[in-house]
């Protein structure tokens, strides 16, 4: 059996059928490209690099479905945020929510956290958009058969902005975005 076939069989097996015995975590190594875009004043700074993420998927013992996913960059000096996504039924103090959706071919996870009041601000082309003061979103899609992964991080923050020739400042939402696209393989062996 080729390595690609083993990955597809391993990923399909770990996410599909209910497991009667204790479900062991699945360890994946994902290599791919990371792109970071930061809003600085009215310009966007862009950084691209190749990197590796270590991914751990914890499965529910009764259903065999993913209940927790952890992603840690192999190189800690990179500007990639570590993730710890858990299945939440209710938001914690209204701060955010994590939603897991397991489709036939993919695991989709979306986490949203917001802080501060919802205010009027310039949001894209909308001069009177309603947005929270700070909003952090994470979207993850992992294909169960091919091992392809995409993680997107969004940070939205409202800051003061003074248009050219204006007397006073306006509130404007600035957005930073990170994205990781890669392919995951099952880890061959654990060190401990």
Foldseek 3Di string as FASTA:
>chain_A
DDQQQVQLVVLLVQAQAFAQAARDKFKKKWKFKKWKWFDDQNDIDIDIDIFIKIKIFHADNGGSHTFWMWIDTPDNVDPDDTDIAGQDPDDDVPFKHWDWDDDNFKIKIKIKGADAAFAFDAEPPDGGDTDHQKMWMWIWIATSRRQKIKIKIKIKHWDWHAPPPRPGTTIHITMMMMMTITGMGTDPDDPD
